[in-house]
Amino acid sequence: MPLPPPSSSPPGCVDPDALVGLTPRSGAIGGQWCYNTGITKSPTYVAADAKECESLYIDPVRPPPNPGDYPFDCSMGCSLCSYELRPDNLYECRAGRRVC
């Protein structure tokens, strides 16, 4: 049986095509992160919050040298937002897997 073709993304990364249809947040340029979307931490899973959170991604993750010229192309890193149970037993919208 032949081996599958190698992935274009390194292990642990999400393919950039995963961003299609998602809403960007300005991260390192505008201070819009996954945790400050307005979604409240909750001790129980809230499906509507998960859906809202996971419709977002951060671009850029790292500060670009010239913020005014940044093309919002993930060249300074992108990260999906993920609704997850945190160590404090609260569900929260946080940065998830990176996009490579």
PDB file of N, CA and C in Angstrom:
ATOM      1  N   MET A   1       0.861  -1.181   0.000  1.00  0.00           N
ATOM      2  CA  MET A   1       0.000   0.000   0.000  1.00  0.00           C
ATOM      3  C   MET A   1       0.902   1.237   0.000  1.00  0.00           C
ATOM      4  N   PRO A   2       0.686   2.188  -0.917  1.00  0.00           N
ATOM      5  CA  PRO A   2       1.528   3.392  -0.957  1.00  0.00           C
ATOM      6  C   PRO A   2       1.261   4.306   0.229  1.00  0.00           C
ATOM      7  N   LEU A   3       2.284   5.028   0.622  1.00  0.00           N
ATOM      8  CA  LEU A   3       2.148   6.000   1.712  1.00  0.00           C
ATOM      9  C   LEU A   3       1.382   7.221   1.220  1.00  0.00           C
ATOM     10  N   PRO A   4       0.622   7.877   2.121  1.00  0.00           N
ATOM     11  CA  PRO A   4      -0.073   9.103   1.711  1.00  0.00           C
ATOM     12  C   PRO A   4       0.938  10.200   1.425  1.00  0.00           C
ATOM     13  N   PRO A   5       0.569  11.175   0.594  1.00  0.00           N
ATOM     14  CA  PRO A   5       1.500  12.277   0.325  1.00  0.00           C
ATOM     15  C   PRO A   5       1.770  13.067   1.597  1.00  0.00           C
ATOM     16  N   PRO A   6       2.951  13.656   1.716  1.00  0.00           N
ATOM     17  CA  PRO A   6       3.242  14.437   2.921  1.00  0.00           C
ATOM     18  C   PRO A   6       2.324  15.655   3.017  1.00  0.00           C
ATOM     19  N   SER A   7       2.015  16.025   4.240  1.00  0.00           N
ATOM     20  CA  SER A   7       1.179  17.201   4.481  1.00  0.00           C
ATOM     21  C   SER A   7       1.974  18.452   4.142  1.00  0.00           C
ATOM     22  N   SER A   8       1.276  19.477   3.663  1.00  0.00           N
ATOM     23  CA  SER A   8       1.954  20.736   3.373  1.00  0.00           C
ATOM     24  C   SER A   8       2.187  21.550   4.632  1.00  0.00           C
ATOM     25  N   SER A   9       1.554  21.163   5.736  1.00  0.00           N
ATOM     26  CA  SER A   9       1.708  21.878   7.007  1.00  0.00           C
ATOM     27  C   SER A   9       2.495  21.021   7.993  1.00  0.00           C
ATOM     28  N   PRO A  10       3.386  21.630   8.784  1.00  0.00           N
ATOM     29  CA  PRO A  10       4.118  20.883   9.801  1.00  0.00           C
ATOM     30  C   PRO A  10       3.161  20.263  10.827  1.00  0.00           C
ATOM     31  N   PRO A  11       3.617  19.216  11.547  1.00  0.00           N
ATOM     32  CA  PRO A  11       2.764  18.601  12.569  1.00  0.00           C
ATOM     33  C   PRO A  11       2.283  19.629  13.598  1.00  0.00           C
ATOM     34  N   GLY A  12       1.027  19.533  14.002  1.00  0.00           N
ATOM     35  CA  GLY A  12       0.467  20.453  14.986  1.00  0.00           C
ATOM     36  C   GLY A  12      -0.087  21.716  14.379  1.00  0.00           C
ATOM     37  N   CYS A  13       0.068  21.881  13.079  1.00  0.00           N
ATOM     38  CA  CYS A  13      -0.420  23.085  12.416  1.00  0.00           C
ATOM     39  C   CYS A  13      -1.703  22.797  11.652  1.00  0.00           C
ATOM     40  N   VAL A  14      -2.421  23.846  11.389  1.00  0.00           N
ATOM     41  CA  VAL A  14      -3.644  23.769  10.606  1.00  0.00           C
ATOM     42  C   VAL A  14      -3.348  24.351   9.233  1.00  0.00           C
ATOM     43  N   ASP A  15      -3.874  23.745   8.200  1.00  0.00           N
ATOM     44  CA  ASP A  15      -3.689  24.254   6.850  1.00  0.00           C
ATOM     45  C   ASP A  15      -4.368  25.615   6.725  1.00  0.00           C
ATOM     46  N   PRO A  16      -3.769  26.575   6.015  1.00  0.00           N
ATOM     47  CA  PRO A  16      -4.371  27.910   5.857  1.00  0.00           C
ATOM     48  C   PRO A  16      -5.790  27.879   5.276  1.00  0.00           C
ATOM     49  N   ASP A  17      -6.124  26.837   4.513  1.00  0.00           N
ATOM     50  CA  ASP A  17      -7.475  26.734   3.965  1.00  0.00           C
ATOM     51  C   ASP A  17      -8.529  26.630   5.067  1.00  0.00           C
ATOM     52  N   ALA A  18      -8.103  26.273   6.279  1.00  0.00           N
ATOM     53  CA  ALA A  18      -9.039  26.168   7.411  1.00  0.00           C
ATOM     54  C   ALA A  18      -9.600  27.533   7.800  1.00  0.00           C
ATOM     55  N   LEU A  19      -8.999  28.608   7.319  1.00  0.00           N
ATOM     56  CA  LEU A  19      -9.448  29.959   7.674  1.00  0.00           C
ATOM     57  C   LEU A  19     -10.607  30.452   6.813  1.00  0.00           C
ATOM     58  N   VAL A  20     -10.867  29.771   5.713  1.00  0.00           N
ATOM     59  CA  VAL A  20     -11.923  30.197   4.796  1.00  0.00           C
ATOM     60  C   VAL A  20     -13.258  30.239   5.543  1.00  0.00           C
ATOM     61  N   GLY A  21     -13.922  31.382   5.474  1.00  0.00           N
ATOM     62  CA  GLY A  21     -15.219  31.546   6.123  1.00  0.00           C
ATOM     63  C   GLY A  21     -15.151  31.985   7.579  1.00  0.00           C
ATOM     64  N   LEU A  22     -13.943  32.071   8.139  1.00  0.00           N
ATOM     65  CA  LEU A  22     -13.795  32.510   9.525  1.00  0.00           C
ATOM     66  C   LEU A  22     -13.560  34.019   9.568  1.00  0.00           C
ATOM     67  N   THR A  23     -13.814  34.610  10.727  1.00  0.00           N
ATOM     68  CA  THR A  23     -13.660  36.052  10.913  1.00  0.00           C
ATOM     69  C   THR A  23     -12.334  36.344  11.605  1.00  0.00           C
ATOM     70  N   PRO A  24     -11.484  37.201  11.007  1.00  0.00           N
ATOM     71  CA  PRO A  24     -10.207  37.512  11.637  1.00  0.00           C
ATOM     72  C   PRO A  24     -10.356  38.516  12.783  1.00  0.00           C
ATOM     73  N   ARG A  25      -9.469  38.371  13.763  1.00  0.00           N
ATOM     74  CA  ARG A  25      -9.306  39.348  14.839  1.00  0.00           C
ATOM     75  C   ARG A  25      -7.882  39.862  14.734  1.00  0.00           C
ATOM     76  N   SER A  26      -7.667  41.122  15.070  1.00  0.00           N
ATOM     77  CA  SER A  26      -6.421  41.815  14.746  1.00  0.00           C
ATOM     78  C   SER A  26      -5.234  41.514  15.662  1.00  0.00           C
ATOM     79  N   GLY A  27      -5.391  40.688  16.653  1.00  0.00           N
ATOM     80  CA  GLY A  27      -4.284  40.215  17.478  1.00  0.00           C
ATOM     81  C   GLY A  27      -3.272  41.262  17.875  1.00  0.00           C
ATOM     82  N   ALA A  28      -2.020  41.059  17.443  1.00  0.00           N
ATOM     83  CA  ALA A  28      -0.900  41.895  17.852  1.00  0.00           C
ATOM     84  C   ALA A  28      -0.983  43.325  17.326  1.00  0.00           C
ATOM     85  N   ILE A  29      -1.828  43.590  16.349  1.00  0.00           N
ATOM     86  CA  ILE A  29      -1.954  44.958  15.840  1.00  0.00           C
ATOM     87  C   ILE A  29      -3.027  45.726  16.595  1.00  0.00           C
ATOM     88  N   GLY A  30      -4.208  45.161  16.737  1.00  0.00           N
ATOM     89  CA  GLY A  30      -5.329  45.889  17.330  1.00  0.00           C
ATOM     90  C   GLY A  30      -5.775  45.406  18.691  1.00  0.00           C
ATOM     91  N   GLY A  31      -5.083  44.418  19.246  1.00  0.00           N
ATOM     92  CA  GLY A  31      -5.438  43.934  20.571  1.00  0.00           C
ATOM     93  C   GLY A  31      -6.689  43.065  20.621  1.00  0.00           C
ATOM     94  N   GLN A  32      -7.154  42.598  19.465  1.00  0.00           N
ATOM     95  CA  GLN A  32      -8.317  41.704  19.437  1.00  0.00           C
ATOM     96  C   GLN A  32      -7.807  40.265  19.496  1.00  0.00           C
ATOM     97  N   TRP A  33      -8.063  39.598  20.617  1.00  0.00           N
ATOM     98  CA  TRP A  33      -7.600  38.226  20.823  1.00  0.00           C
ATOM     99  C   TRP A  33      -8.809  37.318  21.029  1.00  0.00           C
ATOM    100  N   CYS A  34      -8.582  36.037  21.131  1.00  0.00           N
ATOM    101  CA  CYS A  34      -9.681  35.084  21.356  1.00  0.00           C
ATOM    102  C   CYS A  34     -10.325  35.312  22.727  1.00  0.00           C
ATOM    103  N   TYR A  35      -9.518  35.585  23.737  1.00  0.00           N
ATOM    104  CA  TYR A  35     -10.040  35.708  25.098  1.00  0.00           C
ATOM    105  C   TYR A  35     -10.884  36.958  25.317  1.00  0.00           C
ATOM    106  N   ASN A  36     -10.760  37.983  24.455  1.00  0.00           N
ATOM    107  CA  ASN A  36     -11.517  39.214  24.697  1.00  0.00           C
ATOM    108  C   ASN A  36     -12.595  39.445  23.626  1.00  0.00           C
ATOM    109  N   THR A  37     -13.288  38.375  23.268  1.00  0.00           N
ATOM    110  CA  THR A  37     -14.376  38.461  22.279  1.00  0.00           C
ATOM    111  C   THR A  37     -15.696  38.886  22.900  1.00  0.00           C
ATOM    112  N   GLY A  38     -15.777  38.852  24.221  1.00  0.00           N
ATOM    113  CA  GLY A  38     -17.042  39.130  24.894  1.00  0.00           C
ATOM    114  C   GLY A  38     -17.734  37.853  25.340  1.00  0.00           C
ATOM    115  N   ILE A  39     -17.163  36.708  24.979  1.00  0.00           N
ATOM    116  CA  ILE A  39     -17.708  35.425  25.418  1.00  0.00           C
ATOM    117  C   ILE A  39     -17.296  35.227  26.874  1.00  0.00           C
ATOM    118  N   THR A  40     -18.258  35.031  27.732  1.00  0.00           N
ATOM    119  CA  THR A  40     -18.016  34.899  29.162  1.00  0.00           C
ATOM    120  C   THR A  40     -17.563  33.488  29.519  1.00  0.00           C
ATOM    121  N   LYS A  41     -16.595  33.376  30.430  1.00  0.00           N
ATOM    122  CA  LYS A  41     -16.196  32.063  30.940  1.00  0.00           C
ATOM    123  C   LYS A  41     -17.404  31.402  31.578  1.00  0.00           C
ATOM    124  N   SER A  42     -17.484  30.072  31.449  1.00  0.00           N
ATOM    125  CA  SER A  42     -18.651  29.365  31.963  1.00  0.00           C
ATOM    126  C   SER A  42     -18.250  28.006  32.539  1.00  0.00           C
ATOM    127  N   PRO A  43     -18.874  27.597  33.660  1.00  0.00           N
ATOM    128  CA  PRO A  43     -18.586  26.271  34.209  1.00  0.00           C
ATOM    129  C   PRO A  43     -19.242  25.155  33.382  1.00  0.00           C
ATOM    130  N   THR A  44     -20.148  25.521  32.480  1.00  0.00           N
ATOM    131  CA  THR A  44     -20.791  24.528  31.618  1.00  0.00           C
ATOM    132  C   THR A  44     -20.543  24.887  30.153  1.00  0.00           C
ATOM    133  N   TYR A  45     -20.557  23.880  29.311  1.00  0.00           N
ATOM    134  CA  TYR A  45     -20.362  24.077  27.873  1.00  0.00           C
ATOM    135  C   TYR A  45     -21.576  24.801  27.308  1.00  0.00           C
ATOM    136  N   VAL A  46     -21.336  25.892  26.564  1.00  0.00           N
ATOM    137  CA  VAL A  46     -22.409  26.670  25.936  1.00  0.00           C
ATOM    138  C   VAL A  46     -22.197  26.588  24.424  1.00  0.00           C
ATOM    139  N   ALA A  47     -23.068  25.850  23.741  1.00  0.00           N
ATOM    140  CA  ALA A  47     -22.899  25.592  22.310  1.00  0.00           C
ATOM    141  C   ALA A  47     -22.821  26.878  21.485  1.00  0.00           C
ATOM    142  N   ALA A  48     -23.641  27.869  21.795  1.00  0.00           N
ATOM    143  CA  ALA A  48     -23.630  29.127  21.037  1.00  0.00           C
ATOM    144  C   ALA A  48     -22.288  29.845  21.206  1.00  0.00           C
ATOM    145  N   ASP A  49     -21.730  29.808  22.412  1.00  0.00           N
ATOM    146  CA  ASP A  49     -20.429  30.435  22.651  1.00  0.00           C
ATOM    147  C   ASP A  49     -19.338  29.696  21.884  1.00  0.00           C
ATOM    148  N   ALA A  50     -19.402  28.360  21.880  1.00  0.00           N
ATOM    149  CA  ALA A  50     -18.416  27.563  21.147  1.00  0.00           C
ATOM    150  C   ALA A  50     -18.474  27.894  19.659  1.00  0.00           C
ATOM    151  N   LYS A  51     -19.684  27.991  19.123  1.00  0.00           N
ATOM    152  CA  LYS A  51     -19.847  28.289  17.695  1.00  0.00           C
ATOM    153  C   LYS A  51     -19.278  29.667  17.364  1.00  0.00           C
ATOM    154  N   GLU A  52     -19.584  30.657  18.198  1.00  0.00           N
ATOM    155  CA  GLU A  52     -19.060  32.008  17.967  1.00  0.00           C
ATOM    156  C   GLU A  52     -17.543  32.024  18.060  1.00  0.00           C
ATOM    157  N   CYS A  53     -17.003  31.430  19.109  1.00  0.00           N
ATOM    158  CA  CYS A  53     -15.556  31.414  19.327  1.00  0.00           C
ATOM    159  C   CYS A  53     -14.844  30.750  18.152  1.00  0.00           C
ATOM    160  N   GLU A  54     -15.323  29.602  17.747  1.00  0.00           N
ATOM    161  CA  GLU A  54     -14.629  28.831  16.732  1.00  0.00           C
ATOM    162  C   GLU A  54     -14.879  29.327  15.314  1.00  0.00           C
ATOM    163  N   SER A  55     -15.562  30.472  15.212  1.00  0.00           N
ATOM    164  CA  SER A  55     -15.713  31.119  13.911  1.00  0.00           C
ATOM    165  C   SER A  55     -14.674  32.231  13.743  1.00  0.00           C
ATOM    166  N   LEU A  56     -13.726  32.320  14.681  1.00  0.00           N
ATOM    167  CA  LEU A  56     -12.743  33.401  14.717  1.00  0.00           C
ATOM    168  C   LEU A  56     -11.317  32.866  14.607  1.00  0.00           C
ATOM    169  N   TYR A  57     -10.426  33.733  14.156  1.00  0.00           N
ATOM    170  CA  TYR A  57      -8.995  33.425  14.204  1.00  0.00           C
ATOM    171  C   TYR A  57      -8.211  34.711  14.398  1.00  0.00           C
ATOM    172  N   ILE A  58      -6.968  34.566  14.856  1.00  0.00           N
ATOM    173  CA  ILE A  58      -6.081  35.696  15.128  1.00  0.00           C
ATOM    174  C   ILE A  58      -5.093  35.859  13.973  1.00  0.00           C
ATOM    175  N   ASP A  59      -4.961  37.080  13.461  1.00  0.00           N
ATOM    176  CA  ASP A  59      -3.959  37.422  12.450  1.00  0.00           C
ATOM    177  C   ASP A  59      -3.623  38.900  12.608  1.00  0.00           C
ATOM    178  N   PRO A  60      -2.440  39.227  13.066  1.00  0.00           N
ATOM    179  CA  PRO A  60      -1.247  38.436  13.328  1.00  0.00           C
ATOM    180  C   PRO A  60      -1.120  38.056  14.806  1.00  0.00           C
ATOM    181  N   VAL A  61      -0.379  36.968  15.041  1.00  0.00           N
ATOM    182  CA  VAL A  61      -0.091  36.556  16.416  1.00  0.00           C
ATOM    183  C   VAL A  61       1.102  37.345  16.950  1.00  0.00           C
ATOM    184  N   ARG A  62       2.116  37.513  16.109  1.00  0.00           N
ATOM    185  CA  ARG A  62       3.312  38.275  16.506  1.00  0.00           C
ATOM    186  C   ARG A  62       3.247  39.686  15.922  1.00  0.00           C
ATOM    187  N   PRO A  63       3.780  40.688  16.617  1.00  0.00           N
ATOM    188  CA  PRO A  63       3.753  42.061  16.097  1.00  0.00           C
ATOM    189  C   PRO A  63       4.578  42.185  14.812  1.00  0.00           C
ATOM    190  N   PRO A  64       3.985  42.716  13.759  1.00  0.00           N
ATOM    191  CA  PRO A  64       4.748  42.927  12.527  1.00  0.00           C
ATOM    192  C   PRO A  64       5.645  44.161  12.656  1.00  0.00           C
ATOM    193  N   PRO A  65       6.738  44.208  11.887  1.00  0.00           N
ATOM    194  CA  PRO A  65       7.645  45.353  11.971  1.00  0.00           C
ATOM    195  C   PRO A  65       6.960  46.669  11.583  1.00  0.00           C
ATOM    196  N   ASN A  66       6.083  46.616  10.600  1.00  0.00           N
ATOM    197  CA  ASN A  66       5.369  47.806  10.129  1.00  0.00           C
ATOM    198  C   ASN A  66       3.874  47.524  10.143  1.00  0.00           C
ATOM    199  N   PRO A  67       3.205  47.705  11.289  1.00  0.00           N
ATOM    200  CA  PRO A  67       1.789  47.351  11.390  1.00  0.00           C
ATOM    201  C   PRO A  67       0.901  47.959  10.307  1.00  0.00           C
ATOM    202  N   GLY A  68       1.187  49.189   9.896  1.00  0.00           N
ATOM    203  CA  GLY A  68       0.365  49.835   8.887  1.00  0.00           C
ATOM    204  C   GLY A  68       0.448  49.186   7.513  1.00  0.00           C
ATOM    205  N   ASP A  69       1.507  48.420   7.278  1.00  0.00           N
ATOM    206  CA  ASP A  69       1.708  47.759   5.987  1.00  0.00           C
ATOM    207  C   ASP A  69       1.411  46.263   6.032  1.00  0.00           C
ATOM    208  N   TYR A  70       0.964  45.763   7.176  1.00  0.00           N
ATOM    209  CA  TYR A  70       0.752  44.317   7.305  1.00  0.00           C
ATOM    210  C   TYR A  70      -0.391  43.869   6.392  1.00  0.00           C
ATOM    211  N   PRO A  71      -0.155  42.823   5.569  1.00  0.00           N
ATOM    212  CA  PRO A  71      -1.170  42.389   4.603  1.00  0.00           C
ATOM    213  C   PRO A  71      -2.212  41.408   5.161  1.00  0.00           C
ATOM    214  N   PHE A  72      -2.174  41.090   6.468  1.00  0.00           N
ATOM    215  CA  PHE A  72      -3.112  40.130   7.067  1.00  0.00           C
ATOM    216  C   PHE A  72      -3.143  38.839   6.251  1.00  0.00           C
ATOM    217  N   ASP A  73      -1.944  38.244   6.140  1.00  0.00           N
ATOM    218  CA  ASP A  73      -1.761  37.030   5.344  1.00  0.00           C
ATOM    219  C   ASP A  73      -1.142  35.889   6.153  1.00  0.00           C
ATOM    220  N   CYS A  74      -1.185  36.006   7.453  1.00  0.00           N
ATOM    221  CA  CYS A  74      -0.611  35.014   8.381  1.00  0.00           C
ATOM    222  C   CYS A  74       0.920  34.987   8.356  1.00  0.00           C
ATOM    223  N   SER A  75       1.552  35.951   7.704  1.00  0.00           N
ATOM    224  CA  SER A  75       3.011  35.965   7.660  1.00  0.00           C
ATOM    225  C   SER A  75       3.625  36.202   9.048  1.00  0.00           C
ATOM    226  N   MET A  76       2.866  36.765   9.974  1.00  0.00           N
ATOM    227  CA  MET A  76       3.334  36.939  11.355  1.00  0.00           C
ATOM    228  C   MET A  76       2.604  35.983  12.291  1.00  0.00           C
ATOM    229  N   GLY A  77       2.089  34.921  11.729  1.00  0.00           N
ATOM    230  CA  GLY A  77       1.427  33.870  12.494  1.00  0.00           C
ATOM    231  C   GLY A  77      -0.073  34.076  12.597  1.00  0.00           C
ATOM    232  N   CYS A  78      -0.785  32.996  12.516  1.00  0.00           N
ATOM    233  CA  CYS A  78      -2.238  32.970  12.721  1.00  0.00           C
ATOM    234  C   CYS A  78      -2.553  31.858  13.696  1.00  0.00           C
ATOM    235  N   SER A  79      -3.644  31.998  14.388  1.00  0.00           N
ATOM    236  CA  SER A  79      -4.082  30.976  15.332  1.00  0.00           C
ATOM    237  C   SER A  79      -5.600  30.910  15.326  1.00  0.00           C
ATOM    238  N   LEU A  80      -6.133  29.698  15.294  1.00  0.00           N
ATOM    239  CA  LEU A  80      -7.575  29.517  15.411  1.00  0.00           C
ATOM    240  C   LEU A  80      -8.005  29.799  16.839  1.00  0.00           C
ATOM    241  N   CYS A  81      -9.208  30.284  17.028  1.00  0.00           N
ATOM    242  CA  CYS A  81      -9.775  30.401  18.373  1.00  0.00           C
ATOM    243  C   CYS A  81     -10.460  29.085  18.702  1.00  0.00           C
ATOM    244  N   SER A  82     -10.366  28.672  19.946  1.00  0.00           N
ATOM    245  CA  SER A  82     -10.883  27.380  20.373  1.00  0.00           C
ATOM    246  C   SER A  82     -11.635  27.534  21.694  1.00  0.00           C
ATOM    247  N   TYR A  83     -12.834  26.991  21.747  1.00  0.00           N
ATOM    248  CA  TYR A  83     -13.642  27.008  22.970  1.00  0.00           C
ATOM    249  C   TYR A  83     -13.307  25.735  23.725  1.00  0.00           C
ATOM    250  N   GLU A  84     -12.696  25.874  24.882  1.00  0.00           N
ATOM    251  CA  GLU A  84     -12.210  24.693  25.579  1.00  0.00           C
ATOM    252  C   GLU A  84     -12.310  24.816  27.091  1.00  0.00           C
ATOM    253  N   LEU A  85     -12.275  23.667  27.726  1.00  0.00           N
ATOM    254  CA  LEU A  85     -12.281  23.607  29.184  1.00  0.00           C
ATOM    255  C   LEU A  85     -10.865  23.867  29.664  1.00  0.00           C
ATOM    256  N   ARG A  86     -10.695  24.867  30.482  1.00  0.00           N
ATOM    257  CA  ARG A  86      -9.391  25.274  30.982  1.00  0.00           C
ATOM    258  C   ARG A  86      -9.085  24.581  32.313  1.00  0.00           C
ATOM    259  N   PRO A  87      -7.829  24.672  32.791  1.00  0.00           N
ATOM    260  CA  PRO A  87      -7.469  24.028  34.061  1.00  0.00           C
ATOM    261  C   PRO A  87      -8.296  24.504  35.262  1.00  0.00           C
ATOM    262  N   ASP A  88      -8.882  25.705  35.172  1.00  0.00           N
ATOM    263  CA  ASP A  88      -9.705  26.201  36.283  1.00  0.00           C
ATOM    264  C   ASP A  88     -11.152  25.697  36.183  1.00  0.00           C
ATOM    265  N   ASN A  89     -11.394  24.709  35.295  1.00  0.00           N
ATOM    266  CA  ASN A  89     -12.714  24.087  35.098  1.00  0.00           C
ATOM    267  C   ASN A  89     -13.762  25.057  34.564  1.00  0.00           C
ATOM    268  N   LEU A  90     -13.330  26.038  33.791  1.00  0.00           N
ATOM    269  CA  LEU A  90     -14.240  26.959  33.118  1.00  0.00           C
ATOM    270  C   LEU A  90     -14.007  26.856  31.611  1.00  0.00           C
ATOM    271  N   TYR A  91     -15.090  26.875  30.847  1.00  0.00           N
ATOM    272  CA  TYR A  91     -14.983  26.922  29.390  1.00  0.00           C
ATOM    273  C   TYR A  91     -14.668  28.359  28.992  1.00  0.00           C
ATOM    274  N   GLU A  92     -13.765  28.493  28.024  1.00  0.00           N
ATOM    275  CA  GLU A  92     -13.315  29.821  27.639  1.00  0.00           C
ATOM    276  C   GLU A  92     -12.854  29.801  26.184  1.00  0.00           C
ATOM    277  N   CYS A  93     -12.993  30.935  25.516  1.00  0.00           N
ATOM    278  CA  CYS A  93     -12.477  31.102  24.166  1.00  0.00           C
ATOM    279  C   CYS A  93     -11.025  31.526  24.260  1.00  0.00           C
ATOM    280  N   ARG A  94     -10.130  30.698  23.731  1.00  0.00           N
ATOM    281  CA  ARG A  94      -8.696  30.962  23.807  1.00  0.00           C
ATOM    282  C   ARG A  94      -8.049  30.644  22.467  1.00  0.00           C
ATOM    283  N   ALA A  95      -6.829  31.093  22.280  1.00  0.00           N
ATOM    284  CA  ALA A  95      -6.080  30.747  21.077  1.00  0.00           C
ATOM    285  C   ALA A  95      -5.864  29.249  21.051  1.00  0.00           C
ATOM    286  N   GLY A  96      -6.086  28.676  19.877  1.00  0.00           N
ATOM    287  CA  GLY A  96      -5.916  27.242  19.705  1.00  0.00           C
ATOM    288  C   GLY A  96      -4.735  26.930  18.804  1.00  0.00           C
ATOM    289  N   ARG A  97      -4.949  25.997  17.910  1.00  0.00           N
ATOM    290  CA  ARG A  97      -3.869  25.552  17.022  1.00  0.00           C
ATOM    291  C   ARG A  97      -3.422  26.669  16.097  1.00  0.00           C
ATOM    292  N   ARG A  98      -2.130  26.652  15.801  1.00  0.00           N
ATOM    293  CA  ARG A  98      -1.601  27.681  14.901  1.00  0.00           C
ATOM    294  C   ARG A  98      -1.815  27.266  13.458  1.00  0.00           C
ATOM    295  N   VAL A  99      -1.815  28.253  12.610  1.00  0.00           N
ATOM    296  CA  VAL A  99      -1.964  28.040  11.177  1.00  0.00           C
ATOM    297  C   VAL A  99      -0.605  28.273  10.539  1.00  0.00           C
ATOM    298  N   CYS A 100      -0.165  27.345   9.734  1.00  0.00           N
ATOM    299  CA  CYS A 100       1.174  27.448   9.125  1.00  0.00           C
ATOM    300  C   CYS A 100       1.077  27.587   7.619  1.00  0.00           C
TER     301      CYS A 100
END
